[in-house]
Amino acid sequence: MTFQNLRETASDPVCAETPSEPASREARDWVRVLARYRDPNPARSAFEVAVTVLPFALIWAVAFAILPYFWPASLVLAVLNGGFLVRLFCIQHDCGHASFFANRRLSDWVGRCLGVLTLTPYHVWRRQHAIHHSSSGNLDHRGIGDVTTLTVAEYRARSAFGRFMYRIYRSPLVLFVIGPAYIFLIQNRVPYGLMRSGASYWISAMGTNLVLLAGIVAVVWLGGWSAFLLVVLPTWVTAASVGVWLFYVQHQFEDTHWRRESDWQLHDAALDGSSHYDLPTPLRWMSANIGIHHVHHLYSRIPFYRLPDVLRDFPELVDNHRMTLMDSFATARLHLWDEETHKLLSFRRAHRMYPVG
């Protein structure tokens, strides 16, 4: 099933169930139940944009202003502002799902503008993310919009050098620091994965690049290279690392869901292959409820500010693959998918269970 199919399925009329009914639903049944939460509130959406863009701009302005007098303070502010940039990316994410404004054209233009700040060509990312939603958890359709994950068998079949390179890739330094910086600063400058899919993706990437370049030139002209290197760049790098971490923990946990094409089902993968990242309230606000990821994958047209309503009305979804902030750190030690036990394993555990090199 494609992403478009899922959107069409999700537009079916809402059934007559009430939130108080017992939880005896199959994963696919949730689509019709959750449809009642899909309608965005234009005023609320505009408010969420304002309370994110304005503090983001203000913090950058203060950081620029105090830079000549005490650059460490500017650097600290720039890093903290990465949180607001993550929230802007989450709003862009909702625009890509056409869930933030009822007017699709408005959603797309808000997404395009935010894409310059987040270093993410909107049209390219929207297509890549649609592929992610339509194939998440499908072992036969990996490669676009996901974290590279090998099965134990695939890892064993690699040469010693191939296994070494995969270990390097799955190391925290590469996965959450070097990798995110590379993706957002360099890889996103071209329509990665879609280079032969049409001129529109190149237009999106190059258009974003031109506006981005103009912005960088303006920053350097007005504030010098120090303004770019100590204010703008740290915000980007921080947001990139946090964003990749959020994406990682939403799908990379021990009991996540991966299946071969013949056994894969879209809604099962959505419910069982996505976590409920139950963050403290300030972090939940800063990440725009993206941690309620299992609900999001079940019904991507729900605006982020309505996701908590789903958990309130359906408590049975609260504990579905729930993890706290402290729980989540353990997921960084998971590396290989075991098709026998249907679990994500660490290299050490896989080595104990199988003769892995």
Protein backbone atom coordinates (compact mmCIF):
# COMPACT_ATOMS: atom_id res chain seq x y z
CA MET A 1 0.00 0.00 0.00
CA THR A 2 1.32 3.44 -0.90
CA PHE A 3 1.25 6.62 1.15
CA GLN A 4 -1.49 7.95 -1.09
CA ASN A 5 -3.52 4.80 -0.47
CA LEU A 6 -3.14 5.35 3.27
CA ARG A 7 -4.36 8.92 2.97
CA GLU A 8 -7.36 7.78 0.97
CA THR A 9 -8.12 5.05 3.51
CA ALA A 10 -7.83 7.58 6.31
CA SER A 11 -10.47 9.77 4.71
CA ASP A 12 -13.19 7.14 5.17
CA PRO A 13 -16.18 8.22 7.29
CA VAL A 14 -15.74 7.93 11.02
CA CYS A 15 -17.42 4.96 12.62
CA ALA A 16 -19.82 5.30 15.50
CA GLU A 17 -17.40 4.13 18.20
CA THR A 18 -16.91 6.17 21.32
CA PRO A 19 -13.69 6.70 23.29
CA SER A 20 -15.07 4.66 26.19
CA GLU A 21 -15.30 1.42 24.23
CA PRO A 22 -12.90 -1.41 25.18
CA ALA A 23 -9.62 -1.88 23.31
CA SER A 24 -10.17 -4.93 21.14
CA ARG A 25 -9.22 -3.40 17.81
CA GLU A 26 -6.86 -4.63 15.16
CA ALA A 27 -4.27 -2.13 14.02
CA ARG A 28 -6.20 -1.30 10.84
CA ASP A 29 -9.36 -0.56 12.87
CA TRP A 30 -7.69 2.45 14.46
CA VAL A 31 -7.68 4.33 11.15
CA ARG A 32 -11.44 4.89 11.20
CA VAL A 33 -11.44 5.63 14.93
CA LEU A 34 -8.70 8.25 14.67
CA ALA A 35 -10.24 10.02 11.67
CA ARG A 36 -12.31 12.19 14.03
CA TYR A 37 -9.11 13.95 15.14
CA ARG A 38 -7.90 14.94 11.69
CA ASP A 39 -9.37 18.43 11.27
CA PRO A 40 -6.88 21.21 12.05
CA ASN A 41 -7.86 24.41 13.82
CA PRO A 42 -6.53 27.29 11.64
CA ALA A 43 -6.20 29.68 14.57
CA ARG A 44 -4.40 27.08 16.67
CA SER A 45 -2.06 26.23 13.80
CA ALA A 46 -1.24 29.91 13.24
CA PHE A 47 -0.65 30.30 16.97
CA GLU A 48 1.77 27.34 17.03
CA VAL A 49 3.75 28.86 14.16
CA ALA A 50 3.91 32.23 15.92
CA VAL A 51 5.00 30.89 19.32
CA THR A 52 7.81 29.00 17.62
CA VAL A 53 9.04 31.42 14.95
CA LEU A 54 9.04 34.50 17.19
CA PRO A 55 11.16 33.04 20.04
CA PHE A 56 13.44 31.43 17.46
CA ALA A 57 14.04 34.78 15.74
CA LEU A 58 14.38 36.62 19.06
CA ILE A 59 16.99 34.22 20.43
CA TRP A 60 19.04 34.50 17.25
CA ALA A 61 18.75 38.31 17.40
CA VAL A 62 19.99 38.39 21.00
CA ALA A 63 22.80 35.96 20.15
CA PHE A 64 23.89 38.19 17.26
CA ALA A 65 23.68 41.31 19.42
CA ILE A 66 25.87 40.05 22.25
CA LEU A 67 28.34 38.21 20.01
CA PRO A 68 30.90 41.07 19.89
CA TYR A 69 30.91 41.30 23.70
CA PHE A 70 30.78 37.71 24.96
CA TRP A 71 30.76 35.03 22.28
CA PRO A 72 30.33 32.03 24.67
CA ALA A 73 26.89 33.33 25.64
CA SER A 74 25.98 33.62 21.96
CA LEU A 75 27.08 30.05 21.40
CA VAL A 76 24.98 28.79 24.32
CA LEU A 77 21.94 30.64 23.00
CA ALA A 78 22.54 29.22 19.53
CA VAL A 79 22.64 25.67 20.86
CA LEU A 80 19.49 26.20 22.92
CA ASN A 81 17.78 27.65 19.86
CA GLY A 82 18.27 24.29 18.20
CA GLY A 83 15.24 23.19 20.19
CA PHE A 84 13.02 25.77 18.53
CA LEU A 85 14.41 24.76 15.14
CA VAL A 86 13.43 21.16 15.89
CA ARG A 87 9.92 22.39 16.61
CA LEU A 88 9.88 24.30 13.33
CA PHE A 89 10.89 21.11 11.55
CA CYS A 90 8.01 19.29 13.26
CA ILE A 91 5.61 21.96 11.98
CA GLN A 92 7.11 21.54 8.52
CA HIS A 93 6.56 17.80 8.99
CA ASP A 94 2.86 18.35 9.65
CA CYS A 95 2.62 20.62 6.61
CA GLY A 96 4.07 17.80 4.54
CA HIS A 97 1.26 15.54 5.73
CA ALA A 98 -1.33 18.24 4.90
CA SER A 99 -2.42 18.06 8.53
CA PHE A 100 -1.49 21.55 9.73
CA PHE A 101 -3.81 23.69 7.62
CA ALA A 102 -6.93 22.60 5.77
CA ASN A 103 -5.69 24.66 2.82
CA ARG A 104 -3.06 22.48 1.12
CA ARG A 105 -1.48 25.41 -0.72
CA LEU A 106 -1.00 27.29 2.55
CA SER A 107 0.49 24.19 4.18
CA ASP A 108 2.93 23.75 1.31
CA TRP A 109 4.10 27.36 1.36
CA VAL A 110 4.59 27.36 5.12
CA GLY A 111 6.53 24.10 4.68
CA ARG A 112 8.67 25.56 1.90
CA CYS A 113 9.58 28.62 3.97
CA LEU A 114 10.41 26.56 7.03
CA GLY A 115 12.44 24.24 4.80
CA VAL A 116 14.96 27.02 4.27
CA LEU A 117 15.49 27.40 8.02
CA THR A 118 15.68 23.63 8.54
CA LEU A 119 18.00 23.06 5.54
CA THR A 120 15.41 20.70 4.10
CA PRO A 121 14.02 21.10 0.55
CA TYR A 122 10.33 20.71 1.26
CA HIS A 123 9.17 18.94 -1.90
CA VAL A 124 12.06 16.46 -1.77
CA TRP A 125 11.59 15.72 1.91
CA ARG A 126 7.81 15.33 1.55
CA ARG A 127 8.29 12.61 -1.07
CA GLN A 128 11.02 10.86 0.91
CA HIS A 129 8.86 10.94 4.02
CA ALA A 130 5.89 9.57 2.12
CA ILE A 131 8.07 6.62 1.13
CA HIS A 132 9.01 6.17 4.78
CA HIS A 133 5.35 6.05 5.82
CA SER A 134 4.40 3.66 3.05
CA SER A 135 7.24 1.18 3.72
CA SER A 136 8.23 1.57 7.37
CA GLY A 137 9.07 -1.83 8.83
CA ASN A 138 9.24 -3.52 5.42
CA LEU A 139 12.56 -5.36 5.17
CA ASP A 140 12.29 -5.55 1.39
CA HIS A 141 11.86 -1.78 0.97
CA ARG A 142 14.63 -0.13 2.97
CA GLY A 143 16.88 2.72 1.91
CA ILE A 144 14.89 5.97 1.74
CA GLY A 145 13.75 7.90 4.78
CA ASP A 146 14.99 5.42 7.36
CA VAL A 147 18.02 4.57 9.49
CA THR A 148 20.03 1.86 7.74
CA THR A 149 19.42 -1.39 9.62
CA LEU A 150 20.87 -4.76 8.68
CA THR A 151 19.49 -8.13 9.66
CA VAL A 152 21.77 -10.54 11.49
CA ALA A 153 22.00 -12.66 8.33
CA GLU A 154 22.91 -9.66 6.18
CA TYR A 155 25.58 -8.61 8.66
CA ARG A 156 27.08 -12.09 8.76
CA ALA A 157 27.17 -12.22 4.96
CA ARG A 158 29.30 -9.07 4.77
CA SER A 159 33.07 -9.09 4.53
CA ALA A 160 35.10 -8.14 7.59
CA PHE A 161 35.49 -4.64 6.15
CA GLY A 162 31.75 -4.42 5.45
CA ARG A 163 30.94 -5.37 9.04
CA PHE A 164 33.48 -2.85 10.29
CA MET A 165 31.92 -0.07 8.22
CA TYR A 166 28.44 -0.94 9.50
CA ARG A 167 29.72 -0.81 13.07
CA ILE A 168 31.17 2.63 12.37
CA TYR A 169 27.86 3.78 10.88
CA ARG A 170 25.88 2.55 13.91
CA SER A 171 28.23 4.17 16.43
CA PRO A 172 26.66 7.05 18.40
CA LEU A 173 29.27 9.53 17.16
CA VAL A 174 28.43 8.88 13.50
CA LEU A 175 24.71 8.21 13.91
CA PHE A 176 23.86 11.21 16.09
CA VAL A 177 26.60 13.79 15.46
CA ILE A 178 28.55 13.41 12.22
CA GLY A 179 25.73 11.78 10.25
CA PRO A 180 23.04 14.39 11.00
CA ALA A 181 25.41 17.25 10.18
CA TYR A 182 26.28 15.56 6.88
CA ILE A 183 22.63 14.89 6.00
CA PHE A 184 21.35 18.40 6.63
CA LEU A 185 24.37 20.46 5.59
CA ILE A 186 25.50 18.46 2.56
CA GLN A 187 23.20 15.63 1.47
CA ASN A 188 20.08 17.78 1.47
CA ARG A 189 21.64 20.12 -1.06
CA VAL A 190 20.65 17.66 -3.80
CA PRO A 191 17.43 15.60 -4.12
CA TYR A 192 19.04 12.51 -2.63
CA GLY A 193 17.24 9.32 -3.68
CA LEU A 194 15.07 11.21 -6.16
CA MET A 195 17.66 12.54 -8.62
CA ARG A 196 16.03 10.76 -11.56
CA SER A 197 12.45 11.20 -10.43
CA GLY A 198 11.64 14.51 -12.07
CA ALA A 199 12.66 18.14 -12.39
CA SER A 200 10.37 19.24 -9.54
CA TYR A 201 12.70 17.72 -6.95
CA TRP A 202 15.70 19.51 -8.41
CA ILE A 203 13.74 22.76 -8.46
CA SER A 204 12.85 22.27 -4.79
CA ALA A 205 16.44 21.54 -3.80
CA MET A 206 18.05 24.28 -5.88
CA GLY A 207 15.40 26.84 -4.94
CA THR A 208 15.98 26.12 -1.25
CA ASN A 209 19.73 26.31 -1.79
CA LEU A 210 19.52 29.72 -3.47
CA VAL A 211 17.43 31.26 -0.69
CA LEU A 212 19.66 29.60 1.89
CA LEU A 213 22.80 30.96 0.22
CA ALA A 214 21.31 34.45 0.14
CA GLY A 215 20.56 34.18 3.86
CA ILE A 216 24.09 33.03 4.69
CA VAL A 217 25.60 35.86 2.62
CA ALA A 218 23.41 38.36 4.47
CA VAL A 219 24.45 36.98 7.87
CA VAL A 220 28.15 37.09 7.00
CA TRP A 221 27.86 40.56 5.45
CA LEU A 222 26.07 41.99 8.48
CA GLY A 223 27.81 40.09 11.29
CA GLY A 224 30.92 38.52 9.84
CA TRP A 225 31.93 34.89 9.74
CA SER A 226 31.73 34.69 13.52
CA ALA A 227 27.98 35.27 13.32
CA PHE A 228 27.61 32.32 10.99
CA LEU A 229 30.06 29.99 12.75
CA LEU A 230 29.04 30.77 16.35
CA VAL A 231 25.30 31.41 16.00
CA VAL A 232 23.77 29.99 12.82
CA LEU A 233 25.84 26.84 12.36
CA PRO A 234 25.58 25.58 16.00
CA THR A 235 21.79 25.95 15.85
CA TRP A 236 21.65 23.87 12.67
CA VAL A 237 23.99 21.17 13.95
CA THR A 238 22.19 20.89 17.30
CA ALA A 239 18.78 20.63 15.66
CA ALA A 240 20.06 18.05 13.19
CA SER A 241 21.41 15.80 15.95
CA VAL A 242 18.28 16.11 18.10
CA GLY A 243 16.04 15.51 15.10
CA VAL A 244 17.87 12.36 14.04
CA TRP A 245 17.81 11.10 17.64
CA LEU A 246 14.05 11.60 17.81
CA PHE A 247 13.57 9.78 14.52
CA TYR A 248 15.86 6.97 15.69
CA VAL A 249 14.11 6.22 18.98
CA GLN A 250 10.72 6.32 17.29
CA HIS A 251 11.53 3.20 15.27
CA GLN A 252 14.70 1.62 16.67
CA PHE A 253 13.71 -0.20 19.85
CA GLU A 254 14.03 -3.85 20.85
CA ASP A 255 10.47 -4.95 20.07
CA THR A 256 9.98 -2.85 16.97
CA HIS A 257 8.32 -4.28 13.88
CA TRP A 258 10.17 -5.46 10.74
CA ARG A 259 8.78 -8.02 8.33
CA ARG A 260 9.41 -9.27 4.82
CA GLU A 261 7.05 -8.10 2.10
CA SER A 262 4.99 -11.30 2.22
CA ASP A 263 4.26 -10.83 5.95
CA TRP A 264 4.25 -7.05 6.12
CA GLN A 265 1.06 -5.09 6.79
CA LEU A 266 0.95 -1.31 6.81
CA HIS A 267 -1.15 -0.74 9.92
CA ASP A 268 0.60 -3.41 12.01
CA ALA A 269 3.91 -1.80 11.13
CA ALA A 270 2.53 1.62 12.09
CA LEU A 271 1.26 0.52 15.49
CA ASP A 272 4.00 -1.92 16.47
CA GLY A 273 6.95 -0.36 14.65
CA SER A 274 6.61 3.10 16.19
CA SER A 275 7.19 4.03 19.80
CA HIS A 276 5.41 6.28 22.24
CA TYR A 277 8.33 8.45 23.36
CA ASP A 278 6.90 9.80 26.59
CA LEU A 279 9.04 12.87 27.19
CA PRO A 280 8.87 15.42 30.03
CA THR A 281 6.39 18.20 29.28
CA PRO A 282 8.92 20.87 28.16
CA LEU A 283 10.60 18.44 25.75
CA ARG A 284 7.23 17.19 24.55
CA TRP A 285 6.28 20.78 23.70
CA MET A 286 9.61 21.48 22.00
CA SER A 287 9.29 18.33 19.88
CA ALA A 288 5.65 19.07 19.01
CA ASN A 289 4.35 15.74 20.36
CA ILE A 290 6.28 13.84 17.70
CA GLY A 291 6.95 11.23 20.39
CA ILE A 292 3.33 10.07 20.06
CA HIS A 293 4.64 8.42 16.96
CA HIS A 294 2.56 5.26 16.87
CA VAL A 295 -0.60 7.35 16.62
CA HIS A 296 1.00 9.55 14.00
CA HIS A 297 1.90 6.55 11.84
CA LEU A 298 -1.58 5.10 12.21
CA TYR A 299 -3.13 8.39 11.06
CA SER A 300 -0.70 10.95 9.72
CA ARG A 301 -3.36 13.60 9.04
CA ILE A 302 -3.79 14.40 12.75
CA PRO A 303 -2.24 17.79 13.67
CA PHE A 304 0.43 17.41 16.32
CA TYR A 305 -1.54 19.45 18.87
CA ARG A 306 -4.42 16.95 18.71
CA LEU A 307 -2.29 13.86 19.33
CA PRO A 308 -2.53 14.21 23.15
CA ASP A 309 -6.32 14.15 22.77
CA VAL A 310 -6.04 10.69 21.27
CA LEU A 311 -4.09 9.39 24.27
CA ARG A 312 -6.55 11.04 26.63
CA ASP A 313 -9.53 9.40 24.93
CA PHE A 314 -7.86 6.03 24.34
CA PRO A 315 -5.66 5.18 27.35
CA GLU A 316 -4.90 1.77 25.85
CA LEU A 317 -2.58 3.53 23.40
CA VAL A 318 -0.50 5.17 26.15
CA ASP A 319 1.54 2.08 27.01
CA ASN A 320 1.94 0.86 23.45
CA HIS A 321 5.76 0.62 23.08
CA ARG A 322 6.08 3.44 25.59
CA MET A 323 9.55 4.58 26.55
CA THR A 324 10.71 7.39 28.81
CA LEU A 325 13.70 9.65 28.24
CA MET A 326 15.86 7.42 30.44
CA ASP A 327 14.61 4.27 28.72
CA SER A 328 15.49 5.67 25.32
CA PHE A 329 19.24 5.84 25.89
CA ALA A 330 19.43 2.05 25.84
CA THR A 331 18.22 2.00 22.23
CA ALA A 332 21.59 3.42 21.10
CA ARG A 333 23.04 -0.03 21.85
CA LEU A 334 20.75 -1.82 19.38
CA HIS A 335 22.11 -2.55 15.92
CA LEU A 336 20.87 -5.70 14.14
CA TRP A 337 17.42 -7.07 13.38
CA ASP A 338 16.99 -10.74 14.19
CA GLU A 339 14.39 -12.30 11.89
CA GLU A 340 14.19 -15.38 14.13
CA THR A 341 13.25 -13.70 17.40
CA HIS A 342 11.78 -10.52 15.85
CA LYS A 343 13.95 -8.32 18.03
CA LEU A 344 16.55 -5.64 17.50
CA LEU A 345 19.81 -6.85 19.02
CA SER A 346 23.08 -5.31 20.09
CA PHE A 347 26.25 -6.48 18.35
CA ARG A 348 27.27 -8.22 21.59
CA ARG A 349 24.01 -10.09 21.99
CA ALA A 350 23.95 -11.08 18.33
CA HIS A 351 27.49 -12.40 18.69
CA ARG A 352 26.42 -14.55 21.66
CA MET A 353 23.39 -15.92 19.84
CA TYR A 354 24.96 -16.42 16.42
CA PRO A 355 28.50 -16.81 15.05
CA VAL A 356 28.71 -13.17 14.00
CA GLY A 357 32.18 -11.88 13.12
